[in-house]
Amino acid sequence: MKKINLKSLKSWDEIKDEWQRDPEYMEEWSKRKPEYELARQIIKARLKMKMSQAELAEKAGTDQAVISRMENMNAHPSIDLIQRVAQALDTPIRLTIR
């Protein structure tokens, strides 16, 4: 088995800095950022309420797999679904178009 030189590994900050200098990466990131923000906010609110994905799904009238896909940015939820999730999390929605 080949040994890995740990000193040659880059830190997360170094990797992130490299990615942020890549125009293709930044273009894709700007497209995905709203999904990331939605997922992050759902996870944060759900954990704050100490709810499982299954509990949130039940309160929002959907399946646990749908919540999982939203949290993993593998879904394109409708505004209706986002509203039901927000209501289940007892939190308001604020949309901004810039």
PDB file of N, CA and C in Angstrom:
ATOM      1  N   MET A   1       0.837  -1.179   0.000  1.00  0.00           N
ATOM      2  CA  MET A   1       0.000   0.000   0.000  1.00  0.00           C
ATOM      3  C   MET A   1       0.884   1.245   0.000  1.00  0.00           C
ATOM      4  N   LYS A   2       0.507   2.212  -0.819  1.00  0.00           N
ATOM      5  CA  LYS A   2       1.283   3.432  -0.947  1.00  0.00           C
ATOM      6  C   LYS A   2       1.056   4.346   0.256  1.00  0.00           C
ATOM      7  N   LYS A   3       2.152   4.879   0.797  1.00  0.00           N
ATOM      8  CA  LYS A   3       2.053   5.802   1.929  1.00  0.00           C
ATOM      9  C   LYS A   3       1.713   7.201   1.427  1.00  0.00           C
ATOM     10  N   ILE A   4       0.906   7.880   2.214  1.00  0.00           N
ATOM     11  CA  ILE A   4       0.521   9.254   1.890  1.00  0.00           C
ATOM     12  C   ILE A   4       1.316  10.204   2.773  1.00  0.00           C
ATOM     13  N   ASN A   5       1.922  11.172   2.137  1.00  0.00           N
ATOM     14  CA  ASN A   5       2.668  12.186   2.867  1.00  0.00           C
ATOM     15  C   ASN A   5       1.668  13.233   3.353  1.00  0.00           C
ATOM     16  N   LEU A   6       1.328  13.209   4.627  1.00  0.00           N
ATOM     17  CA  LEU A   6       0.325  14.118   5.173  1.00  0.00           C
ATOM     18  C   LEU A   6       0.726  15.583   5.047  1.00  0.00           C
ATOM     19  N   LYS A   7       2.015  15.857   5.033  1.00  0.00           N
ATOM     20  CA  LYS A   7       2.475  17.247   4.918  1.00  0.00           C
ATOM     21  C   LYS A   7       2.201  17.815   3.527  1.00  0.00           C
ATOM     22  N   SER A   8       2.030  16.937   2.546  1.00  0.00           N
ATOM     23  CA  SER A   8       1.777  17.421   1.183  1.00  0.00           C
ATOM     24  C   SER A   8       0.292  17.675   0.913  1.00  0.00           C
ATOM     25  N   LEU A   9      -0.570  17.284   1.846  1.00  0.00           N
ATOM     26  CA  LEU A   9      -2.003  17.491   1.663  1.00  0.00           C
ATOM     27  C   LEU A   9      -2.358  18.962   1.873  1.00  0.00           C
ATOM     28  N   LYS A  10      -3.326  19.423   1.114  1.00  0.00           N
ATOM     29  CA  LYS A  10      -3.762  20.816   1.227  1.00  0.00           C
ATOM     30  C   LYS A  10      -4.846  20.934   2.286  1.00  0.00           C
ATOM     31  N   SER A  11      -4.913  22.097   2.884  1.00  0.00           N
ATOM     32  CA  SER A  11      -5.966  22.367   3.855  1.00  0.00           C
ATOM     33  C   SER A  11      -7.264  22.681   3.110  1.00  0.00           C
ATOM     34  N   TRP A  12      -8.380  22.621   3.836  1.00  0.00           N
ATOM     35  CA  TRP A  12      -9.667  22.968   3.229  1.00  0.00           C
ATOM     36  C   TRP A  12      -9.637  24.398   2.698  1.00  0.00           C
ATOM     37  N   ASP A  13      -9.043  25.328   3.435  1.00  0.00           N
ATOM     38  CA  ASP A  13      -8.989  26.719   2.994  1.00  0.00           C
ATOM     39  C   ASP A  13      -8.192  26.866   1.700  1.00  0.00           C
ATOM     40  N   GLU A  14      -7.101  26.106   1.559  1.00  0.00           N
ATOM     41  CA  GLU A  14      -6.315  26.168   0.322  1.00  0.00           C
ATOM     42  C   GLU A  14      -7.105  25.630  -0.871  1.00  0.00           C
ATOM     43  N   ILE A  15      -7.824  24.537  -0.647  1.00  0.00           N
ATOM     44  CA  ILE A  15      -8.646  23.958  -1.714  1.00  0.00           C
ATOM     45  C   ILE A  15      -9.752  24.926  -2.106  1.00  0.00           C
ATOM     46  N   LYS A  16     -10.423  25.487  -1.103  1.00  0.00           N
ATOM     47  CA  LYS A  16     -11.511  26.436  -1.357  1.00  0.00           C
ATOM     48  C   LYS A  16     -11.000  27.653  -2.119  1.00  0.00           C
ATOM     49  N   ASP A  17      -9.831  28.160  -1.745  1.00  0.00           N
ATOM     50  CA  ASP A  17      -9.245  29.315  -2.435  1.00  0.00           C
ATOM     51  C   ASP A  17      -8.978  28.992  -3.903  1.00  0.00           C
ATOM     52  N   GLU A  18      -8.467  27.792  -4.167  1.00  0.00           N
ATOM     53  CA  GLU A  18      -8.224  27.374  -5.554  1.00  0.00           C
ATOM     54  C   GLU A  18      -9.523  27.315  -6.334  1.00  0.00           C
ATOM     55  N   TRP A  19     -10.537  26.722  -5.744  1.00  0.00           N
ATOM     56  CA  TRP A  19     -11.821  26.612  -6.424  1.00  0.00           C
ATOM     57  C   TRP A  19     -12.389  27.988  -6.721  1.00  0.00           C
ATOM     58  N   GLN A  20     -12.273  28.904  -5.778  1.00  0.00           N
ATOM     59  CA  GLN A  20     -12.852  30.228  -5.955  1.00  0.00           C
ATOM     60  C   GLN A  20     -12.142  31.045  -7.024  1.00  0.00           C
ATOM     61  N   ARG A  21     -10.958  30.639  -7.413  1.00  0.00           N
ATOM     62  CA  ARG A  21     -10.250  31.299  -8.514  1.00  0.00           C
ATOM     63  C   ARG A  21     -10.631  30.686  -9.876  1.00  0.00           C
ATOM     64  N   ASP A  22     -11.378  29.605  -9.848  1.00  0.00           N
ATOM     65  CA  ASP A  22     -11.780  28.922 -11.075  1.00  0.00           C
ATOM     66  C   ASP A  22     -13.122  29.489 -11.556  1.00  0.00           C
ATOM     67  N   PRO A  23     -13.141  30.160 -12.727  1.00  0.00           N
ATOM     68  CA  PRO A  23     -14.387  30.770 -13.210  1.00  0.00           C
ATOM     69  C   PRO A  23     -15.517  29.753 -13.427  1.00  0.00           C
ATOM     70  N   GLU A  24     -15.201  28.556 -13.892  1.00  0.00           N
ATOM     71  CA  GLU A  24     -16.237  27.541 -14.103  1.00  0.00           C
ATOM     72  C   GLU A  24     -16.864  27.114 -12.778  1.00  0.00           C
ATOM     73  N   TYR A  25     -16.023  26.937 -11.767  1.00  0.00           N
ATOM     74  CA  TYR A  25     -16.526  26.582 -10.443  1.00  0.00           C
ATOM     75  C   TYR A  25     -17.443  27.690  -9.923  1.00  0.00           C
ATOM     76  N   MET A  26     -16.992  28.926 -10.023  1.00  0.00           N
ATOM     77  CA  MET A  26     -17.778  30.036  -9.484  1.00  0.00           C
ATOM     78  C   MET A  26     -19.100  30.213 -10.239  1.00  0.00           C
ATOM     79  N   GLU A  27     -19.103  29.942 -11.526  1.00  0.00           N
ATOM     80  CA  GLU A  27     -20.354  30.024 -12.286  1.00  0.00           C
ATOM     81  C   GLU A  27     -21.341  28.968 -11.797  1.00  0.00           C
ATOM     82  N   GLU A  28     -20.843  27.754 -11.615  1.00  0.00           N
ATOM     83  CA  GLU A  28     -21.715  26.674 -11.127  1.00  0.00           C
ATOM     84  C   GLU A  28     -22.167  26.962  -9.698  1.00  0.00           C
ATOM     85  N   TRP A  29     -21.264  27.464  -8.866  1.00  0.00           N
ATOM     86  CA  TRP A  29     -21.617  27.790  -7.482  1.00  0.00           C
ATOM     87  C   TRP A  29     -22.722  28.842  -7.447  1.00  0.00           C
ATOM     88  N   SER A  30     -22.623  29.855  -8.297  1.00  0.00           N
ATOM     89  CA  SER A  30     -23.645  30.909  -8.285  1.00  0.00           C
ATOM     90  C   SER A  30     -25.006  30.354  -8.699  1.00  0.00           C
ATOM     91  N   LYS A  31     -25.024  29.342  -9.549  1.00  0.00           N
ATOM     92  CA  LYS A  31     -26.284  28.698  -9.941  1.00  0.00           C
ATOM     93  C   LYS A  31     -26.868  27.879  -8.786  1.00  0.00           C
ATOM     94  N   ARG A  32     -26.008  27.222  -8.019  1.00  0.00           N
ATOM     95  CA  ARG A  32     -26.458  26.315  -6.962  1.00  0.00           C
ATOM     96  C   ARG A  32     -26.617  26.973  -5.596  1.00  0.00           C
ATOM     97  N   LYS A  33     -26.143  28.196  -5.437  1.00  0.00           N
ATOM     98  CA  LYS A  33     -26.163  28.840  -4.125  1.00  0.00           C
ATOM     99  C   LYS A  33     -27.563  28.944  -3.528  1.00  0.00           C
ATOM    100  N   PRO A  34     -28.614  29.312  -4.293  1.00  0.00           N
ATOM    101  CA  PRO A  34     -29.945  29.351  -3.675  1.00  0.00           C
ATOM    102  C   PRO A  34     -30.384  27.993  -3.120  1.00  0.00           C
ATOM    103  N   GLU A  35     -30.068  26.910  -3.831  1.00  0.00           N
ATOM    104  CA  GLU A  35     -30.399  25.571  -3.334  1.00  0.00           C
ATOM    105  C   GLU A  35     -29.643  25.273  -2.046  1.00  0.00           C
ATOM    106  N   TYR A  36     -28.366  25.665  -2.020  1.00  0.00           N
ATOM    107  CA  TYR A  36     -27.543  25.451  -0.834  1.00  0.00           C
ATOM    108  C   TYR A  36     -28.117  26.217   0.362  1.00  0.00           C
ATOM    109  N   GLU A  37     -28.480  27.468   0.136  1.00  0.00           N
ATOM    110  CA  GLU A  37     -29.010  28.286   1.226  1.00  0.00           C
ATOM    111  C   GLU A  37     -30.323  27.712   1.750  1.00  0.00           C
ATOM    112  N   LEU A  38     -31.204  27.274   0.843  1.00  0.00           N
ATOM    113  CA  LEU A  38     -32.467  26.676   1.266  1.00  0.00           C
ATOM    114  C   LEU A  38     -32.204  25.416   2.082  1.00  0.00           C
ATOM    115  N   ALA A  39     -31.334  24.545   1.582  1.00  0.00           N
ATOM    116  CA  ALA A  39     -31.025  23.301   2.290  1.00  0.00           C
ATOM    117  C   ALA A  39     -30.451  23.585   3.674  1.00  0.00           C
ATOM    118  N   ARG A  40     -29.511  24.518   3.730  1.00  0.00           N
ATOM    119  CA  ARG A  40     -28.866  24.863   5.008  1.00  0.00           C
ATOM    120  C   ARG A  40     -29.882  25.395   6.012  1.00  0.00           C
ATOM    121  N   GLN A  41     -30.799  26.229   5.544  1.00  0.00           N
ATOM    122  CA  GLN A  41     -31.790  26.816   6.442  1.00  0.00           C
ATOM    123  C   GLN A  41     -32.801  25.787   6.928  1.00  0.00           C
ATOM    124  N   ILE A  42     -33.195  24.862   6.042  1.00  0.00           N
ATOM    125  CA  ILE A  42     -34.117  23.803   6.460  1.00  0.00           C
ATOM    126  C   ILE A  42     -33.457  22.931   7.523  1.00  0.00           C
ATOM    127  N   ILE A  43     -32.221  22.518   7.265  1.00  0.00           N
ATOM    128  CA  ILE A  43     -31.505  21.671   8.227  1.00  0.00           C
ATOM    129  C   ILE A  43     -31.369  22.389   9.570  1.00  0.00           C
ATOM    130  N   LYS A  44     -30.951  23.648   9.531  1.00  0.00           N
ATOM    131  CA  LYS A  44     -30.752  24.415  10.770  1.00  0.00           C
ATOM    132  C   LYS A  44     -32.050  24.515  11.567  1.00  0.00           C
ATOM    133  N   ALA A  45     -33.147  24.856  10.893  1.00  0.00           N
ATOM    134  CA  ALA A  45     -34.437  25.005  11.588  1.00  0.00           C
ATOM    135  C   ALA A  45     -34.927  23.663  12.122  1.00  0.00           C
ATOM    136  N   ARG A  46     -34.756  22.605  11.319  1.00  0.00           N
ATOM    137  CA  ARG A  46     -35.202  21.270  11.752  1.00  0.00           C
ATOM    138  C   ARG A  46     -34.424  20.813  12.984  1.00  0.00           C
ATOM    139  N   LEU A  47     -33.119  20.997  12.972  1.00  0.00           N
ATOM    140  CA  LEU A  47     -32.309  20.586  14.124  1.00  0.00           C
ATOM    141  C   LEU A  47     -32.612  21.434  15.358  1.00  0.00           C
ATOM    142  N   LYS A  48     -32.880  22.722  15.140  1.00  0.00           N
ATOM    143  CA  LYS A  48     -33.227  23.601  16.262  1.00  0.00           C
ATOM    144  C   LYS A  48     -34.502  23.107  16.946  1.00  0.00           C
ATOM    145  N   MET A  49     -35.438  22.585  16.139  1.00  0.00           N
ATOM    146  CA  MET A  49     -36.695  22.070  16.687  1.00  0.00           C
ATOM    147  C   MET A  49     -36.574  20.607  17.129  1.00  0.00           C
ATOM    148  N   LYS A  50     -35.372  20.053  16.978  1.00  0.00           N
ATOM    149  CA  LYS A  50     -35.094  18.667  17.371  1.00  0.00           C
ATOM    150  C   LYS A  50     -36.048  17.695  16.673  1.00  0.00           C
ATOM    151  N   MET A  51     -36.221  17.916  15.366  1.00  0.00           N
ATOM    152  CA  MET A  51     -37.097  17.077  14.559  1.00  0.00           C
ATOM    153  C   MET A  51     -36.261  16.195  13.638  1.00  0.00           C
ATOM    154  N   SER A  52     -36.750  14.999  13.398  1.00  0.00           N
ATOM    155  CA  SER A  52     -36.137  14.138  12.386  1.00  0.00           C
ATOM    156  C   SER A  52     -36.696  14.525  11.024  1.00  0.00           C
ATOM    157  N   GLN A  53     -36.070  14.042   9.990  1.00  0.00           N
ATOM    158  CA  GLN A  53     -36.602  14.273   8.647  1.00  0.00           C
ATOM    159  C   GLN A  53     -37.999  13.675   8.523  1.00  0.00           C
ATOM    160  N   ALA A  54     -38.197  12.511   9.113  1.00  0.00           N
ATOM    161  CA  ALA A  54     -39.508  11.845   9.051  1.00  0.00           C
ATOM    162  C   ALA A  54     -40.575  12.679   9.753  1.00  0.00           C
ATOM    163  N   GLU A  55     -40.238  13.255  10.902  1.00  0.00           N
ATOM    164  CA  GLU A  55     -41.202  14.090  11.627  1.00  0.00           C
ATOM    165  C   GLU A  55     -41.545  15.346  10.829  1.00  0.00           C
ATOM    166  N   LEU A  56     -40.524  15.954  10.234  1.00  0.00           N
ATOM    167  CA  LEU A  56     -40.775  17.141   9.414  1.00  0.00           C
ATOM    168  C   LEU A  56     -41.640  16.778   8.209  1.00  0.00           C
ATOM    169  N   ALA A  57     -41.333  15.673   7.581  1.00  0.00           N
ATOM    170  CA  ALA A  57     -42.109  15.233   6.419  1.00  0.00           C
ATOM    171  C   ALA A  57     -43.571  15.024   6.780  1.00  0.00           C
ATOM    172  N   GLU A  58     -43.808  14.386   7.899  1.00  0.00           N
ATOM    173  CA  GLU A  58     -45.192  14.134   8.326  1.00  0.00           C
ATOM    174  C   GLU A  58     -45.933  15.456   8.540  1.00  0.00           C
ATOM    175  N   LYS A  59     -45.283  16.403   9.224  1.00  0.00           N
ATOM    176  CA  LYS A  59     -45.924  17.697   9.486  1.00  0.00           C
ATOM    177  C   LYS A  59     -46.147  18.498   8.202  1.00  0.00           C
ATOM    178  N   ALA A  60     -45.279  18.291   7.208  1.00  0.00           N
ATOM    179  CA  ALA A  60     -45.380  19.036   5.949  1.00  0.00           C
ATOM    180  C   ALA A  60     -46.227  18.305   4.910  1.00  0.00           C
ATOM    181  N   GLY A  61     -46.677  17.102   5.241  1.00  0.00           N
ATOM    182  CA  GLY A  61     -47.507  16.353   4.319  1.00  0.00           C
ATOM    183  C   GLY A  61     -46.756  15.798   3.130  1.00  0.00           C
ATOM    184  N   THR A  62     -45.558  15.307   3.382  1.00  0.00           N
ATOM    185  CA  THR A  62     -44.747  14.725   2.316  1.00  0.00           C
ATOM    186  C   THR A  62     -44.007  13.516   2.861  1.00  0.00           C
ATOM    187  N   ASP A  63     -43.085  12.981   2.082  1.00  0.00           N
ATOM    188  CA  ASP A  63     -42.313  11.814   2.507  1.00  0.00           C
ATOM    189  C   ASP A  63     -40.941  12.233   3.028  1.00  0.00           C
ATOM    190  N   GLN A  64     -40.364  11.397   3.879  1.00  0.00           N
ATOM    191  CA  GLN A  64     -39.024  11.654   4.408  1.00  0.00           C
ATOM    192  C   GLN A  64     -38.009  11.770   3.269  1.00  0.00           C
ATOM    193  N   ALA A  65     -38.169  10.978   2.221  1.00  0.00           N
ATOM    194  CA  ALA A  65     -37.222  11.017   1.090  1.00  0.00           C
ATOM    195  C   ALA A  65     -37.228  12.386   0.414  1.00  0.00           C
ATOM    196  N   VAL A  66     -38.381  13.040   0.385  1.00  0.00           N
ATOM    197  CA  VAL A  66     -38.475  14.381  -0.212  1.00  0.00           C
ATOM    198  C   VAL A  66     -37.668  15.376   0.627  1.00  0.00           C
ATOM    199  N   ILE A  67     -37.807  15.287   1.937  1.00  0.00           N
ATOM    200  CA  ILE A  67     -37.037  16.173   2.829  1.00  0.00           C
ATOM    201  C   ILE A  67     -35.546  15.896   2.654  1.00  0.00           C
ATOM    202  N   SER A  68     -35.174  14.645   2.583  1.00  0.00           N
ATOM    203  CA  SER A  68     -33.770  14.283   2.378  1.00  0.00           C
ATOM    204  C   SER A  68     -33.235  14.875   1.080  1.00  0.00           C
ATOM    205  N   ARG A  69     -34.003  14.769   0.006  1.00  0.00           N
ATOM    206  CA  ARG A  69     -33.553  15.326  -1.274  1.00  0.00           C
ATOM    207  C   ARG A  69     -33.423  16.845  -1.200  1.00  0.00           C
ATOM    208  N   MET A  70     -34.340  17.490  -0.494  1.00  0.00           N
ATOM    209  CA  MET A  70     -34.234  18.952  -0.334  1.00  0.00           C
ATOM    210  C   MET A  70     -32.961  19.314   0.433  1.00  0.00           C
ATOM    211  N   GLU A  71     -32.703  18.588   1.500  1.00  0.00           N
ATOM    212  CA  GLU A  71     -31.537  18.883   2.329  1.00  0.00           C
ATOM    213  C   GLU A  71     -30.223  18.539   1.623  1.00  0.00           C
ATOM    214  N   ASN A  72     -30.281  17.634   0.662  1.00  0.00           N
ATOM    215  CA  ASN A  72     -29.072  17.235  -0.068  1.00  0.00           C
ATOM    216  C   ASN A  72     -28.972  17.907  -1.435  1.00  0.00           C
ATOM    217  N   MET A  73     -29.830  18.890  -1.664  1.00  0.00           N
ATOM    218  CA  MET A  73     -29.838  19.661  -2.906  1.00  0.00           C
ATOM    219  C   MET A  73     -30.056  18.784  -4.136  1.00  0.00           C
ATOM    220  N   ASN A  74     -30.866  17.754  -3.981  1.00  0.00           N
ATOM    221  CA  ASN A  74     -31.186  16.863  -5.088  1.00  0.00           C
ATOM    222  C   ASN A  74     -32.655  16.973  -5.462  1.00  0.00           C
ATOM    223  N   ALA A  75     -33.234  18.135  -5.272  1.00  0.00           N
ATOM    224  CA  ALA A  75     -34.645  18.336  -5.573  1.00  0.00           C
ATOM    225  C   ALA A  75     -34.840  19.766  -6.061  1.00  0.00           C
ATOM    226  N   HIS A  76     -35.923  19.956  -6.753  1.00  0.00           N
ATOM    227  CA  HIS A  76     -36.335  21.296  -7.172  1.00  0.00           C
ATOM    228  C   HIS A  76     -37.744  21.486  -6.635  1.00  0.00           C
ATOM    229  N   PRO A  77     -37.826  21.816  -5.330  1.00  0.00           N
ATOM    230  CA  PRO A  77     -39.144  21.869  -4.681  1.00  0.00           C
ATOM    231  C   PRO A  77     -39.997  23.027  -5.194  1.00  0.00           C
ATOM    232  N   SER A  78     -41.285  22.783  -5.220  1.00  0.00           N
ATOM    233  CA  SER A  78     -42.234  23.844  -5.593  1.00  0.00           C
ATOM    234  C   SER A  78     -42.333  24.842  -4.439  1.00  0.00           C
ATOM    235  N   ILE A  79     -42.835  26.011  -4.742  1.00  0.00           N
ATOM    236  CA  ILE A  79     -43.041  27.012  -3.689  1.00  0.00           C
ATOM    237  C   ILE A  79     -44.057  26.483  -2.678  1.00  0.00           C
ATOM    238  N   ASP A  80     -45.059  25.738  -3.157  1.00  0.00           N
ATOM    239  CA  ASP A  80     -46.046  25.141  -2.254  1.00  0.00           C
ATOM    240  C   ASP A  80     -45.361  24.226  -1.236  1.00  0.00           C
ATOM    241  N   LEU A  81     -44.454  23.387  -1.698  1.00  0.00           N
ATOM    242  CA  LEU A  81     -43.741  22.479  -0.779  1.00  0.00           C
ATOM    243  C   LEU A  81     -42.869  23.273   0.184  1.00  0.00           C
ATOM    244  N   ILE A  82     -42.178  24.268  -0.314  1.00  0.00           N
ATOM    245  CA  ILE A  82     -41.338  25.102   0.562  1.00  0.00           C
ATOM    246  C   ILE A  82     -42.205  25.775   1.628  1.00  0.00           C
ATOM    247  N   GLN A  83     -43.391  26.247   1.248  1.00  0.00           N
ATOM    248  CA  GLN A  83     -44.296  26.866   2.221  1.00  0.00           C
ATOM    249  C   GLN A  83     -44.747  25.859   3.274  1.00  0.00           C
ATOM    250  N   ARG A  84     -45.069  24.638   2.844  1.00  0.00           N
ATOM    251  CA  ARG A  84     -45.506  23.619   3.810  1.00  0.00           C
ATOM    252  C   ARG A  84     -44.375  23.249   4.770  1.00  0.00           C
ATOM    253  N   VAL A  85     -43.157  23.157   4.255  1.00  0.00           N
ATOM    254  CA  VAL A  85     -42.003  22.850   5.112  1.00  0.00           C
ATOM    255  C   VAL A  85     -41.776  23.994   6.093  1.00  0.00           C
ATOM    256  N   ALA A  86     -41.840  25.225   5.613  1.00  0.00           N
ATOM    257  CA  ALA A  86     -41.651  26.379   6.497  1.00  0.00           C
ATOM    258  C   ALA A  86     -42.718  26.422   7.576  1.00  0.00           C
ATOM    259  N   GLN A  87     -43.952  26.139   7.198  1.00  0.00           N
ATOM    260  CA  GLN A  87     -45.047  26.125   8.181  1.00  0.00           C
ATOM    261  C   GLN A  87     -44.808  25.022   9.210  1.00  0.00           C
ATOM    262  N   ALA A  88     -44.376  23.852   8.749  1.00  0.00           N
ATOM    263  CA  ALA A  88     -44.089  22.744   9.667  1.00  0.00           C
ATOM    264  C   ALA A  88     -42.951  23.096  10.617  1.00  0.00           C
ATOM    265  N   LEU A  89     -42.040  23.953  10.154  1.00  0.00           N
ATOM    266  CA  LEU A  89     -40.916  24.393  10.982  1.00  0.00           C
ATOM    267  C   LEU A  89     -41.245  25.666  11.766  1.00  0.00           C
ATOM    268  N   ASP A  90     -42.486  26.140  11.615  1.00  0.00           N
ATOM    269  CA  ASP A  90     -42.941  27.351  12.302  1.00  0.00           C
ATOM    270  C   ASP A  90     -41.978  28.516  12.045  1.00  0.00           C
ATOM    271  N   THR A  91     -41.656  28.722  10.767  1.00  0.00           N
ATOM    272  CA  THR A  91     -40.741  29.792  10.393  1.00  0.00           C
ATOM    273  C   THR A  91     -41.250  30.490   9.130  1.00  0.00           C
ATOM    274  N   PRO A  92     -41.045  31.800   9.041  1.00  0.00           N
ATOM    275  CA  PRO A  92     -41.512  32.519   7.851  1.00  0.00           C
ATOM    276  C   PRO A  92     -40.572  32.291   6.661  1.00  0.00           C
ATOM    277  N   ILE A  93     -41.097  32.578   5.481  1.00  0.00           N
ATOM    278  CA  ILE A  93     -40.303  32.517   4.252  1.00  0.00           C
ATOM    279  C   ILE A  93     -40.062  33.941   3.798  1.00  0.00           C
ATOM    280  N   ARG A  94     -38.837  34.205   3.373  1.00  0.00           N
ATOM    281  CA  ARG A  94     -38.509  35.490   2.747  1.00  0.00           C
ATOM    282  C   ARG A  94     -37.814  35.199   1.425  1.00  0.00           C
ATOM    283  N   LEU A  95     -38.398  35.630   0.346  1.00  0.00           N
ATOM    284  CA  LEU A  95     -37.804  35.463  -0.974  1.00  0.00           C
ATOM    285  C   LEU A  95     -37.294  36.816  -1.451  1.00  0.00           C
ATOM    286  N   THR A  96     -36.147  36.803  -2.073  1.00  0.00           N
ATOM    287  CA  THR A  96     -35.568  38.038  -2.599  1.00  0.00           C
ATOM    288  C   THR A  96     -35.099  37.778  -4.023  1.00  0.00           C
ATOM    289  N   ILE A  97     -35.500  38.664  -4.920  1.00  0.00           N
ATOM    290  CA  ILE A  97     -34.996  38.601  -6.292  1.00  0.00           C
ATOM    291  C   ILE A  97     -34.087  39.803  -6.460  1.00  0.00           C
ATOM    292  N   ARG A  98     -32.862  39.511  -6.841  1.00  0.00           N
ATOM    293  CA  ARG A  98     -31.881  40.600  -6.984  1.00  0.00           C
ATOM    294  C   ARG A  98     -31.448  40.709  -8.417  1.00  0.00           C
TER     295      ARG A  98
END
